[in-house]
C-alpha atoms as a PDB file:
ATOM      1  CA  MET A   1      53.701  11.438   0.377  1.00  0.00           C
ATOM      2  CA  THR A   2      50.794  10.178  -1.706  1.00  0.00           C
ATOM      3  CA  ILE A   3      50.798   6.957  -3.703  1.00  0.00           C
ATOM      4  CA  PRO A   4      51.448   7.630  -7.401  1.00  0.00           C
ATOM      5  CA  GLN A   5      48.585   6.788  -9.755  1.00  0.00           C
ATOM      6  CA  GLY A   6      50.579   4.742 -12.246  1.00  0.00           C
ATOM      7  CA  PRO A   7      53.939   3.169 -13.001  1.00  0.00           C
ATOM      8  CA  ASN A   8      56.943   5.325 -13.835  1.00  0.00           C
ATOM      9  CA  ARG A   9      55.481   8.386 -12.204  1.00  0.00           C
ATOM     10  CA  ARG A  10      57.780   8.219  -9.196  1.00  0.00           C
ATOM     11  CA  TRP A  11      60.887   6.211  -8.435  1.00  0.00           C
ATOM     12  CA  SER A  12      62.587   6.079  -5.047  1.00  0.00           C
ATOM     13  CA  LEU A  13      66.218   5.269  -4.518  1.00  0.00           C
ATOM     14  CA  ASP A  14      68.578   4.726  -1.649  1.00  0.00           C
ATOM     15  CA  PHE A  15      71.871   3.106  -0.752  1.00  0.00           C
ATOM     16  CA  VAL A  16      72.411   0.173   1.579  1.00  0.00           C
ATOM     17  CA  SER A  17      75.713  -1.349   2.655  1.00  0.00           C
ATOM     18  CA  ASP A  18      76.925  -4.854   3.353  1.00  0.00           C
ATOM     19  CA  THR A  19      80.171  -6.819   3.523  1.00  0.00           C
ATOM     20  CA  LEU A  20      81.726  -9.649   1.579  1.00  0.00           C
ATOM     21  CA  ALA A  21      82.683 -12.826   3.445  1.00  0.00           C
ATOM     22  CA  ASP A  22      86.268 -11.506   3.654  1.00  0.00           C
ATOM     23  CA  GLY A  23      85.106  -8.325   5.413  1.00  0.00           C
ATOM     24  CA  ARG A  24      85.309  -5.873   2.486  1.00  0.00           C
ATOM     25  CA  ARG A  25      82.430  -3.406   2.546  1.00  0.00           C
ATOM     26  CA  PHE A  26      80.333  -2.578  -0.487  1.00  0.00           C
ATOM     27  CA  ARG A  27      77.358  -0.413  -1.357  1.00  0.00           C
ATOM     28  CA  ILE A  28      74.134  -1.191  -3.164  1.00  0.00           C
ATOM     29  CA  LEU A  29      72.024   1.346  -5.040  1.00  0.00           C
ATOM     30  CA  CYS A  30      68.372   0.259  -4.847  1.00  0.00           C
ATOM     31  CA  VAL A  31      65.822   1.769  -7.231  1.00  0.00           C
ATOM     32  CA  ILE A  32      62.088   1.041  -7.016  1.00  0.00           C
ATOM     33  CA  ASP A  33      58.914   2.178  -8.768  1.00  0.00           C
ATOM     34  CA  ASP A  34      56.667   3.512  -5.994  1.00  0.00           C
ATOM     35  CA  PHE A  35      53.418   2.522  -7.744  1.00  0.00           C
ATOM     36  CA  SER A  36      54.189  -1.072  -8.733  1.00  0.00           C
ATOM     37  CA  ARG A  37      56.746  -1.598  -5.921  1.00  0.00           C
ATOM     38  CA  GLU A  38      58.911  -3.214  -8.594  1.00  0.00           C
ATOM     39  CA  CYS A  39      62.629  -3.238  -7.881  1.00  0.00           C
ATOM     40  CA  LEU A  40      64.171  -1.694 -10.995  1.00  0.00           C
ATOM     41  CA  ALA A  41      67.790  -2.220  -9.967  1.00  0.00           C
ATOM     42  CA  THR A  42      70.204  -3.318  -7.289  1.00  0.00           C
ATOM     43  CA  VAL A  43      73.617  -1.994  -8.295  1.00  0.00           C
ATOM     44  CA  VAL A  44      76.583  -3.418  -6.375  1.00  0.00           C
ATOM     45  CA  ASP A  45      80.062  -1.897  -6.147  1.00  0.00           C
ATOM     46  CA  ASN A  46      82.646  -0.808  -3.606  1.00  0.00           C
ATOM     47  CA  SER A  47      81.911   2.821  -4.514  1.00  0.00           C
ATOM     48  CA  LEU A  48      78.974   4.463  -6.284  1.00  0.00           C
ATOM     49  CA  SER A  49      79.575   8.055  -7.405  1.00  0.00           C
ATOM     50  CA  GLY A  50      77.023  10.518  -8.736  1.00  0.00           C
ATOM     51  CA  GLU A  51      78.309   9.808 -12.254  1.00  0.00           C
ATOM     52  CA  ARG A  52      77.732   6.096 -11.745  1.00  0.00           C
ATOM     53  CA  VAL A  53      74.213   6.684 -10.425  1.00  0.00           C
ATOM     54  CA  VAL A  54      73.468   8.761 -13.552  1.00  0.00           C
ATOM     55  CA  ARG A  55      74.677   5.918 -15.802  1.00  0.00           C
ATOM     56  CA  GLU A  56      72.562   3.385 -13.927  1.00  0.00           C
ATOM     57  CA  LEU A  57      69.423   5.541 -14.085  1.00  0.00           C
ATOM     58  CA  ASP A  58      69.938   6.023 -17.834  1.00  0.00           C
ATOM     59  CA  ALA A  59      70.344   2.251 -18.235  1.00  0.00           C
ATOM     60  CA  ILE A  60      67.018   1.673 -16.466  1.00  0.00           C
ATOM     61  CA  ALA A  61      65.347   4.370 -18.585  1.00  0.00           C
ATOM     62  CA  LYS A  62      66.410   2.618 -21.810  1.00  0.00           C
ATOM     63  CA  TRP A  63      63.898  -0.156 -21.123  1.00  0.00           C
ATOM     64  CA  ARG A  64      61.562   1.611 -18.712  1.00  0.00           C
ATOM     65  CA  GLY A  65      61.478   5.261 -19.772  1.00  0.00           C
ATOM     66  CA  TYR A  66      62.219   8.154 -17.427  1.00  0.00           C
ATOM     67  CA  PRO A  67      60.098   8.761 -14.342  1.00  0.00           C
ATOM     68  CA  LEU A  68      58.295  12.025 -13.743  1.00  0.00           C
ATOM     69  CA  MET A  69      59.866  12.264 -10.274  1.00  0.00           C
ATOM     70  CA  VAL A  70      62.594  10.671  -8.170  1.00  0.00           C
ATOM     71  CA  VAL A  71      62.633  10.704  -4.365  1.00  0.00           C
ATOM     72  CA  SER A  72      65.848  10.281  -2.376  1.00  0.00           C
ATOM     73  CA  ASP A  73      67.796  11.534   0.578  1.00  0.00           C
ATOM     74  CA  ASN A  74      70.337  14.297   0.050  1.00  0.00           C
ATOM     75  CA  GLY A  75      73.518  12.217   0.118  1.00  0.00           C
ATOM     76  CA  THR A  76      76.561  13.594  -1.675  1.00  0.00           C
ATOM     77  CA  GLU A  77      76.170  11.252  -4.666  1.00  0.00           C
ATOM     78  CA  LEU A  78      72.602  12.437  -5.161  1.00  0.00           C
ATOM     79  CA  THR A  79      73.356  16.150  -4.904  1.00  0.00           C
ATOM     80  CA  SER A  80      76.447  16.028  -7.124  1.00  0.00           C
ATOM     81  CA  ASN A  81      76.790  18.204 -10.222  1.00  0.00           C
ATOM     82  CA  ALA A  82      76.366  15.103 -12.411  1.00  0.00           C
ATOM     83  CA  MET A  83      73.054  14.298 -10.738  1.00  0.00           C
ATOM     84  CA  LEU A  84      71.771  17.883 -10.870  1.00  0.00           C
ATOM     85  CA  LYS A  85      72.638  18.058 -14.584  1.00  0.00           C
ATOM     86  CA  TRP A  86      70.916  14.706 -15.196  1.00  0.00           C
ATOM     87  CA  GLN A  87      67.723  15.979 -13.550  1.00  0.00           C
ATOM     88  CA  GLN A  88      67.709  19.161 -15.590  1.00  0.00           C
ATOM     89  CA  ASP A  89      68.647  17.560 -18.929  1.00  0.00           C
ATOM     90  CA  ARG A  90      65.976  14.863 -18.652  1.00  0.00           C
ATOM     91  CA  GLY A  91      63.249  16.998 -17.120  1.00  0.00           C
ATOM     92  CA  VAL A  92      62.904  14.744 -14.085  1.00  0.00           C
ATOM     93  CA  GLU A  93      61.631  16.389 -10.917  1.00  0.00           C
ATOM     94  CA  TRP A  94      63.694  15.425  -7.878  1.00  0.00           C
ATOM     95  CA  HIS A  95      62.339  15.476  -4.342  1.00  0.00           C
ATOM     96  CA  TYR A  96      64.919  15.377  -1.559  1.00  0.00           C
ATOM     97  CA  ILE A  97      63.540  14.215   1.780  1.00  0.00           C
ATOM     98  CA  ALA A  98      64.291  16.213   4.915  1.00  0.00           C
ATOM     99  CA  PRO A  99      67.653  15.313   6.495  1.00  0.00           C
ATOM    100  CA  GLY A 100      67.278  12.687   9.202  1.00  0.00           C
ATOM    101  CA  LYS A 101      63.741  11.761   8.104  1.00  0.00           C
ATOM    102  CA  PRO A 102      63.984   8.385   6.301  1.00  0.00           C
ATOM    103  CA  THR A 103      60.274   7.839   6.948  1.00  0.00           C
ATOM    104  CA  ASP A 104      59.652  10.577   4.364  1.00  0.00           C
ATOM    105  CA  ASN A 105      60.833   7.997   1.814  1.00  0.00           C
ATOM    106  CA  ALA A 106      58.779   5.139   3.225  1.00  0.00           C
ATOM    107  CA  PHE A 107      58.520   3.161  -0.020  1.00  0.00           C
ATOM    108  CA  ILE A 108      62.269   2.594  -0.372  1.00  0.00           C
ATOM    109  CA  GLU A 109      62.779   2.187   3.381  1.00  0.00           C
ATOM    110  CA  SER A 110      60.162  -0.583   3.427  1.00  0.00           C
ATOM    111  CA  PHE A 111      61.858  -2.198   0.439  1.00  0.00           C
ATOM    112  CA  ASN A 112      65.268  -1.921   2.129  1.00  0.00           C
ATOM    113  CA  GLY A 113      63.984  -3.814   5.178  1.00  0.00           C
ATOM    114  CA  LYS A 114      62.640  -6.653   3.060  1.00  0.00           C
ATOM    115  CA  PHE A 115      65.810  -6.690   0.918  1.00  0.00           C
ATOM    116  CA  ARG A 116      67.989  -6.801   4.040  1.00  0.00           C
ATOM    117  CA  SER A 117      66.056  -9.643   5.703  1.00  0.00           C
ATOM    118  CA  GLU A 118      65.373 -11.787   2.625  1.00  0.00           C
ATOM    119  CA  CYS A 119      68.577 -11.285   0.643  1.00  0.00           C
ATOM    120  CA  LEU A 120      71.465  -9.579   2.419  1.00  0.00           C
ATOM    121  CA  ASN A 121      71.071 -11.387   5.751  1.00  0.00           C
ATOM    122  CA  ALA A 122      70.344 -14.695   4.008  1.00  0.00           C
ATOM    123  CA  HIS A 123      73.596 -14.933   2.024  1.00  0.00           C
ATOM    124  CA  TRP A 124      77.349 -14.882   2.382  1.00  0.00           C
ATOM    125  CA  PHE A 125      78.738 -12.980  -0.592  1.00  0.00           C
ATOM    126  CA  LEU A 126      82.162 -14.233  -1.660  1.00  0.00           C
ATOM    127  CA  THR A 127      82.887 -11.667  -4.388  1.00  0.00           C
ATOM    128  CA  PHE A 128      81.216  -8.657  -5.976  1.00  0.00           C
ATOM    129  CA  ASP A 129      80.112 -10.876  -8.865  1.00  0.00           C
ATOM    130  CA  ASP A 130      78.652 -13.396  -6.423  1.00  0.00           C
ATOM    131  CA  ALA A 131      76.753 -10.579  -4.689  1.00  0.00           C
ATOM    132  CA  ARG A 132      75.463  -9.246  -8.023  1.00  0.00           C
ATOM    133  CA  LEU A 133      74.277 -12.699  -9.090  1.00  0.00           C
ATOM    134  CA  LYS A 134      72.482 -13.465  -5.817  1.00  0.00           C
ATOM    135  CA  MET A 135      70.882 -10.029  -5.665  1.00  0.00           C
ATOM    136  CA  GLU A 136      69.675 -10.259  -9.255  1.00  0.00           C
ATOM    137  CA  GLU A 137      68.146 -13.680  -8.548  1.00  0.00           C
ATOM    138  CA  TRP A 138      66.415 -12.249  -5.489  1.00  0.00           C
ATOM    139  CA  ARG A 139      65.232  -9.180  -7.455  1.00  0.00           C
ATOM    140  CA  LYS A 140      63.639 -11.354 -10.140  1.00  0.00           C
ATOM    141  CA  ASP A 141      61.895 -13.437  -7.483  1.00  0.00           C
ATOM    142  CA  TYR A 142      60.759 -10.324  -5.586  1.00  0.00           C
ATOM    143  CA  ASN A 143      59.241  -8.536  -8.577  1.00  0.00           C
ATOM    144  CA  PRO A 144      55.640  -9.369  -9.464  1.00  0.00           C
ATOM    145  CA  VAL A 145      55.050 -11.385 -12.611  1.00  0.00           C
ATOM    146  CA  SER A 146      53.218  -9.303 -15.196  1.00  0.00           C
END
């Protein structure tokens, strides 16, 4: 996949998982701009449905605008009716990578590795709110200053 020629042309997204200190698992939706490598969001919850992903993408678009394209795997949340309707209604092209080929989405996979080593592995998260706070602090530090 080629490097986009400007911001907001292509976003990549993916889910990662982690656990709270008490052992409860949670998921994180990570969204990045492939050109700037800016992390647009890290959304933490115990469950993230297609409807929730749609709401989060719309929230990002309120301050960022919609991308021309989104790249993701073909997980159930990302192929849901809510997601397909979102793509069509907003005119956003969606590129699903081949199953079992995470390297086809190298931008987000590279981000996930850095996020895992610098944030997730560096902290004990006591609650969902604690995880959200620490991840937001990390995200602000990670993003380049413009």
